Amino acid sequence: MRCNKNNKFYYLMAKIYSPKSLAIPRMKPKKETVSFLLNYSKALSIIKGKTMSFEIIAN
């Protein structure tokens, strides 16, 4: 394929994107992992000041 000023962009885009699928397969996390993340996010609170912010985890 020739690259002139009109189709150079399309040629480069075609070169970057390949026809094969690069999708990540669906992951199934454990219930314990999901529970841990949800509990952590519920316990986390962020207090913002003028120049600093504080992250507090209430157990």
PDB file of N, CA and C in Angstrom:
ATOM      1  N   MET A   1       0.839  -1.171   0.000  1.00  0.00           N
ATOM      2  CA  MET A   1       0.000   0.000   0.000  1.00  0.00           C
ATOM      3  C   MET A   1       0.886   1.238   0.000  1.00  0.00           C
ATOM      4  N   ARG A   2       0.567   2.162  -0.848  1.00  0.00           N
ATOM      5  CA  ARG A   2       1.326   3.396  -0.929  1.00  0.00           C
ATOM      6  C   ARG A   2       0.899   4.358   0.169  1.00  0.00           C
ATOM      7  N   CYS A   3       1.832   5.142   0.615  1.00  0.00           N
ATOM      8  CA  CYS A   3       1.541   6.138   1.649  1.00  0.00           C
ATOM      9  C   CYS A   3       1.737   7.528   1.074  1.00  0.00           C
ATOM     10  N   ASN A   4       0.671   8.164   0.714  1.00  0.00           N
ATOM     11  CA  ASN A   4       0.759   9.575   0.370  1.00  0.00           C
ATOM     12  C   ASN A   4       0.112  10.378   1.477  1.00  0.00           C
ATOM     13  N   LYS A   5       0.036  11.658   1.346  1.00  0.00           N
ATOM     14  CA  LYS A   5      -0.474  12.508   2.417  1.00  0.00           C
ATOM     15  C   LYS A   5      -1.936  12.215   2.731  1.00  0.00           C
ATOM     16  N   ASN A   6      -2.713  11.754   1.753  1.00  0.00           N
ATOM     17  CA  ASN A   6      -4.145  11.548   1.963  1.00  0.00           C
ATOM     18  C   ASN A   6      -4.453  10.281   2.749  1.00  0.00           C
ATOM     19  N   ASN A   7      -3.745   9.201   2.505  1.00  0.00           N
ATOM     20  CA  ASN A   7      -4.099   7.949   3.170  1.00  0.00           C
ATOM     21  C   ASN A   7      -3.043   7.462   4.158  1.00  0.00           C
ATOM     22  N   LYS A   8      -2.095   8.281   4.518  1.00  0.00           N
ATOM     23  CA  LYS A   8      -1.055   7.872   5.450  1.00  0.00           C
ATOM     24  C   LYS A   8      -1.639   7.556   6.829  1.00  0.00           C
ATOM     25  N   PHE A   9      -2.583   8.374   7.269  1.00  0.00           N
ATOM     26  CA  PHE A   9      -3.213   8.159   8.564  1.00  0.00           C
ATOM     27  C   PHE A   9      -3.926   6.818   8.602  1.00  0.00           C
ATOM     28  N   TYR A  10      -4.694   6.504   7.574  1.00  0.00           N
ATOM     29  CA  TYR A  10      -5.445   5.253   7.541  1.00  0.00           C
ATOM     30  C   TYR A  10      -4.516   4.046   7.478  1.00  0.00           C
ATOM     31  N   TYR A  11      -3.414   4.176   6.776  1.00  0.00           N
ATOM     32  CA  TYR A  11      -2.447   3.090   6.707  1.00  0.00           C
ATOM     33  C   TYR A  11      -1.846   2.829   8.079  1.00  0.00           C
ATOM     34  N   LEU A  12      -1.492   3.896   8.795  1.00  0.00           N
ATOM     35  CA  LEU A  12      -0.901   3.726  10.117  1.00  0.00           C
ATOM     36  C   LEU A  12      -1.916   3.144  11.099  1.00  0.00           C
ATOM     37  N   MET A  13      -3.163   3.570  11.005  1.00  0.00           N
ATOM     38  CA  MET A  13      -4.195   3.028  11.881  1.00  0.00           C
ATOM     39  C   MET A  13      -4.404   1.544  11.597  1.00  0.00           C
ATOM     40  N   ALA A  14      -4.412   1.157  10.340  1.00  0.00           N
ATOM     41  CA  ALA A  14      -4.578  -0.251   9.992  1.00  0.00           C
ATOM     42  C   ALA A  14      -3.400  -1.067  10.491  1.00  0.00           C
ATOM     43  N   LYS A  15      -2.243  -0.473  10.501  1.00  0.00           N
ATOM     44  CA  LYS A  15      -1.055  -1.168  10.969  1.00  0.00           C
ATOM     45  C   LYS A  15      -1.112  -1.382  12.486  1.00  0.00           C
ATOM     46  N   ILE A  16      -1.686  -0.426  13.222  1.00  0.00           N
ATOM     47  CA  ILE A  16      -1.756  -0.527  14.675  1.00  0.00           C
ATOM     48  C   ILE A  16      -2.768  -1.580  15.109  1.00  0.00           C
ATOM     49  N   TYR A  17      -3.958  -1.543  14.514  1.00  0.00           N
ATOM     50  CA  TYR A  17      -5.027  -2.445  14.931  1.00  0.00           C
ATOM     51  C   TYR A  17      -4.962  -3.734  14.122  1.00  0.00           C
ATOM     52  N   SER A  18      -4.903  -4.847  14.813  1.00  0.00           N
ATOM     53  CA  SER A  18      -4.839  -6.128  14.129  1.00  0.00           C
ATOM     54  C   SER A  18      -6.219  -6.759  14.080  1.00  0.00           C
ATOM     55  N   PRO A  19      -6.469  -7.643  13.121  1.00  0.00           N
ATOM     56  CA  PRO A  19      -7.789  -8.264  13.015  1.00  0.00           C
ATOM     57  C   PRO A  19      -8.069  -9.292  14.106  1.00  0.00           C
ATOM     58  N   LYS A  20      -7.039  -9.842  14.751  1.00  0.00           N
ATOM     59  CA  LYS A  20      -7.294 -10.843  15.779  1.00  0.00           C
ATOM     60  C   LYS A  20      -7.788 -10.195  17.066  1.00  0.00           C
ATOM     61  N   SER A  21      -8.516 -10.916  17.816  1.00  0.00           N
ATOM     62  CA  SER A  21      -9.122 -10.386  19.032  1.00  0.00           C
ATOM     63  C   SER A  21      -8.094 -10.316  20.147  1.00  0.00           C
ATOM     64  N   LEU A  22      -8.009  -9.155  20.760  1.00  0.00           N
ATOM     65  CA  LEU A  22      -7.090  -8.970  21.872  1.00  0.00           C
ATOM     66  C   LEU A  22      -7.858  -8.782  23.179  1.00  0.00           C
ATOM     67  N   ALA A  23      -9.123  -9.158  23.183  1.00  0.00           N
ATOM     68  CA  ALA A  23      -9.967  -8.968  24.363  1.00  0.00           C
ATOM     69  C   ALA A  23      -9.528  -9.901  25.482  1.00  0.00           C
ATOM     70  N   ILE A  24      -9.648  -9.406  26.691  1.00  0.00           N
ATOM     71  CA  ILE A  24      -9.316 -10.193  27.875  1.00  0.00           C
ATOM     72  C   ILE A  24     -10.512 -11.080  28.206  1.00  0.00           C
ATOM     73  N   PRO A  25     -10.279 -12.353  28.475  1.00  0.00           N
ATOM     74  CA  PRO A  25     -11.413 -13.215  28.824  1.00  0.00           C
ATOM     75  C   PRO A  25     -12.042 -12.779  30.146  1.00  0.00           C
ATOM     76  N   ARG A  26     -13.311 -13.054  30.304  1.00  0.00           N
ATOM     77  CA  ARG A  26     -14.012 -12.658  31.523  1.00  0.00           C
ATOM     78  C   ARG A  26     -13.396 -13.352  32.727  1.00  0.00           C
ATOM     79  N   MET A  27     -13.135 -12.570  33.750  1.00  0.00           N
ATOM     80  CA  MET A  27     -12.565 -13.122  34.969  1.00  0.00           C
ATOM     81  C   MET A  27     -13.676 -13.277  35.991  1.00  0.00           C
ATOM     82  N   LYS A  28     -13.593 -14.317  36.777  1.00  0.00           N
ATOM     83  CA  LYS A  28     -14.579 -14.577  37.814  1.00  0.00           C
ATOM     84  C   LYS A  28     -13.869 -14.558  39.165  1.00  0.00           C
ATOM     85  N   PRO A  29     -13.942 -13.432  39.866  1.00  0.00           N
ATOM     86  CA  PRO A  29     -13.262 -13.360  41.162  1.00  0.00           C
ATOM     87  C   PRO A  29     -13.983 -14.208  42.210  1.00  0.00           C
ATOM     88  N   LYS A  30     -13.233 -14.596  43.211  1.00  0.00           N
ATOM     89  CA  LYS A  30     -13.825 -15.361  44.309  1.00  0.00           C
ATOM     90  C   LYS A  30     -14.768 -14.467  45.112  1.00  0.00           C
ATOM     91  N   LYS A  31     -15.731 -15.075  45.769  1.00  0.00           N
ATOM     92  CA  LYS A  31     -16.668 -14.318  46.599  1.00  0.00           C
ATOM     93  C   LYS A  31     -15.946 -13.618  47.737  1.00  0.00           C
ATOM     94  N   GLU A  32     -14.892 -14.250  48.249  1.00  0.00           N
ATOM     95  CA  GLU A  32     -14.128 -13.653  49.337  1.00  0.00           C
ATOM     96  C   GLU A  32     -13.454 -12.353  48.892  1.00  0.00           C
ATOM     97  N   THR A  33     -12.963 -12.338  47.665  1.00  0.00           N
ATOM     98  CA  THR A  33     -12.300 -11.148  47.140  1.00  0.00           C
ATOM     99  C   THR A  33     -13.285 -10.000  46.998  1.00  0.00           C
ATOM    100  N   VAL A  34     -14.444 -10.284  46.442  1.00  0.00           N
ATOM    101  CA  VAL A  34     -15.470  -9.258  46.272  1.00  0.00           C
ATOM    102  C   VAL A  34     -15.923  -8.739  47.630  1.00  0.00           C
ATOM    103  N   SER A  35     -16.117  -9.644  48.569  1.00  0.00           N
ATOM    104  CA  SER A  35     -16.537  -9.247  49.911  1.00  0.00           C
ATOM    105  C   SER A  35     -15.487  -8.365  50.577  1.00  0.00           C
ATOM    106  N   PHE A  36     -14.221  -8.728  50.449  1.00  0.00           N
ATOM    107  CA  PHE A  36     -13.142  -7.939  51.027  1.00  0.00           C
ATOM    108  C   PHE A  36     -13.124  -6.527  50.453  1.00  0.00           C
ATOM    109  N   LEU A  37     -13.225  -6.409  49.145  1.00  0.00           N
ATOM    110  CA  LEU A  37     -13.180  -5.093  48.509  1.00  0.00           C
ATOM    111  C   LEU A  37     -14.378  -4.229  48.899  1.00  0.00           C
ATOM    112  N   LEU A  38     -15.546  -4.827  48.974  1.00  0.00           N
ATOM    113  CA  LEU A  38     -16.728  -4.075  49.381  1.00  0.00           C
ATOM    114  C   LEU A  38     -16.619  -3.598  50.827  1.00  0.00           C
ATOM    115  N   ASN A  39     -16.170  -4.479  51.711  1.00  0.00           N
ATOM    116  CA  ASN A  39     -16.008  -4.089  53.113  1.00  0.00           C
ATOM    117  C   ASN A  39     -14.938  -3.014  53.276  1.00  0.00           C
ATOM    118  N   TYR A  40     -13.874  -3.126  52.516  1.00  0.00           N
ATOM    119  CA  TYR A  40     -12.807  -2.123  52.578  1.00  0.00           C
ATOM    120  C   TYR A  40     -13.324  -0.768  52.120  1.00  0.00           C
ATOM    121  N   SER A  41     -14.065  -0.748  51.034  1.00  0.00           N
ATOM    122  CA  SER A  41     -14.559   0.532  50.523  1.00  0.00           C
ATOM    123  C   SER A  41     -15.601   1.147  51.457  1.00  0.00           C
ATOM    124  N   LYS A  42     -16.347   0.309  52.186  1.00  0.00           N
ATOM    125  CA  LYS A  42     -17.304   0.840  53.161  1.00  0.00           C
ATOM    126  C   LYS A  42     -16.591   1.444  54.356  1.00  0.00           C
ATOM    127  N   ALA A  43     -15.455   0.872  54.749  1.00  0.00           N
ATOM    128  CA  ALA A  43     -14.734   1.329  55.928  1.00  0.00           C
ATOM    129  C   ALA A  43     -13.833   2.523  55.641  1.00  0.00           C
ATOM    130  N   LEU A  44     -13.534   2.782  54.379  1.00  0.00           N
ATOM    131  CA  LEU A  44     -12.606   3.853  54.018  1.00  0.00           C
ATOM    132  C   LEU A  44     -13.322   5.194  53.974  1.00  0.00           C
ATOM    133  N   SER A  45     -12.722   6.180  54.628  1.00  0.00           N
ATOM    134  CA  SER A  45     -13.239   7.545  54.515  1.00  0.00           C
ATOM    135  C   SER A  45     -12.054   8.478  54.267  1.00  0.00           C
ATOM    136  N   ILE A  46     -12.269   9.453  53.425  1.00  0.00           N
ATOM    137  CA  ILE A  46     -11.220  10.397  53.053  1.00  0.00           C
ATOM    138  C   ILE A  46     -11.643  11.787  53.508  1.00  0.00           C
ATOM    139  N   ILE A  47     -10.767  12.417  54.259  1.00  0.00           N
ATOM    140  CA  ILE A  47     -11.016  13.771  54.752  1.00  0.00           C
ATOM    141  C   ILE A  47     -10.036  14.696  54.042  1.00  0.00           C
ATOM    142  N   LYS A  48     -10.587  15.656  53.307  1.00  0.00           N
ATOM    143  CA  LYS A  48      -9.744  16.577  52.550  1.00  0.00           C
ATOM    144  C   LYS A  48      -9.607  17.884  53.295  1.00  0.00           C
ATOM    145  N   GLY A  49      -8.363  18.329  53.422  1.00  0.00           N
ATOM    146  CA  GLY A  49      -8.073  19.620  54.026  1.00  0.00           C
ATOM    147  C   GLY A  49      -7.671  20.606  52.945  1.00  0.00           C
ATOM    148  N   LYS A  50      -7.105  21.724  53.362  1.00  0.00           N
ATOM    149  CA  LYS A  50      -6.680  22.721  52.388  1.00  0.00           C
ATOM    150  C   LYS A  50      -5.491  22.239  51.570  1.00  0.00           C
ATOM    151  N   THR A  51      -4.528  21.631  52.223  1.00  0.00           N
ATOM    152  CA  THR A  51      -3.312  21.216  51.516  1.00  0.00           C
ATOM    153  C   THR A  51      -3.084  19.715  51.547  1.00  0.00           C
ATOM    154  N   MET A  52      -3.801  18.997  52.408  1.00  0.00           N
ATOM    155  CA  MET A  52      -3.585  17.558  52.542  1.00  0.00           C
ATOM    156  C   MET A  52      -4.917  16.835  52.582  1.00  0.00           C
ATOM    157  N   SER A  53      -4.850  15.535  52.326  1.00  0.00           N
ATOM    158  CA  SER A  53      -6.029  14.695  52.507  1.00  0.00           C
ATOM    159  C   SER A  53      -5.632  13.490  53.362  1.00  0.00           C
ATOM    160  N   PHE A  54      -6.554  13.036  54.184  1.00  0.00           N
ATOM    161  CA  PHE A  54      -6.291  11.927  55.093  1.00  0.00           C
ATOM    162  C   PHE A  54      -7.216  10.770  54.747  1.00  0.00           C
ATOM    163  N   GLU A  55      -6.640   9.588  54.680  1.00  0.00           N
ATOM    164  CA  GLU A  55      -7.417   8.374  54.438  1.00  0.00           C
ATOM    165  C   GLU A  55      -7.513   7.604  55.748  1.00  0.00           C
ATOM    166  N   ILE A  56      -8.729   7.357  56.197  1.00  0.00           N
ATOM    167  CA  ILE A  56      -8.951   6.688  57.482  1.00  0.00           C
ATOM    168  C   ILE A  56      -9.744   5.418  57.214  1.00  0.00           C
ATOM    169  N   ILE A  57      -9.235   4.313  57.775  1.00  0.00           N
ATOM    170  CA  ILE A  57      -9.946   3.036  57.669  1.00  0.00           C
ATOM    171  C   ILE A  57     -10.512   2.718  59.040  1.00  0.00           C
ATOM    172  N   ALA A  58     -11.831   2.681  59.137  1.00  0.00           N
ATOM    173  CA  ALA A  58     -12.516   2.378  60.394  1.00  0.00           C
ATOM    174  C   ALA A  58     -12.778   0.875  60.446  1.00  0.00           C
ATOM    175  N   ASN A  59     -12.107   0.206  61.359  1.00  0.00           N
ATOM    176  CA  ASN A  59     -12.315  -1.246  61.490  1.00  0.00           C
ATOM    177  C   ASN A  59     -13.385  -1.556  62.478  1.00  0.00           C
TER     178      ASN A  59
END
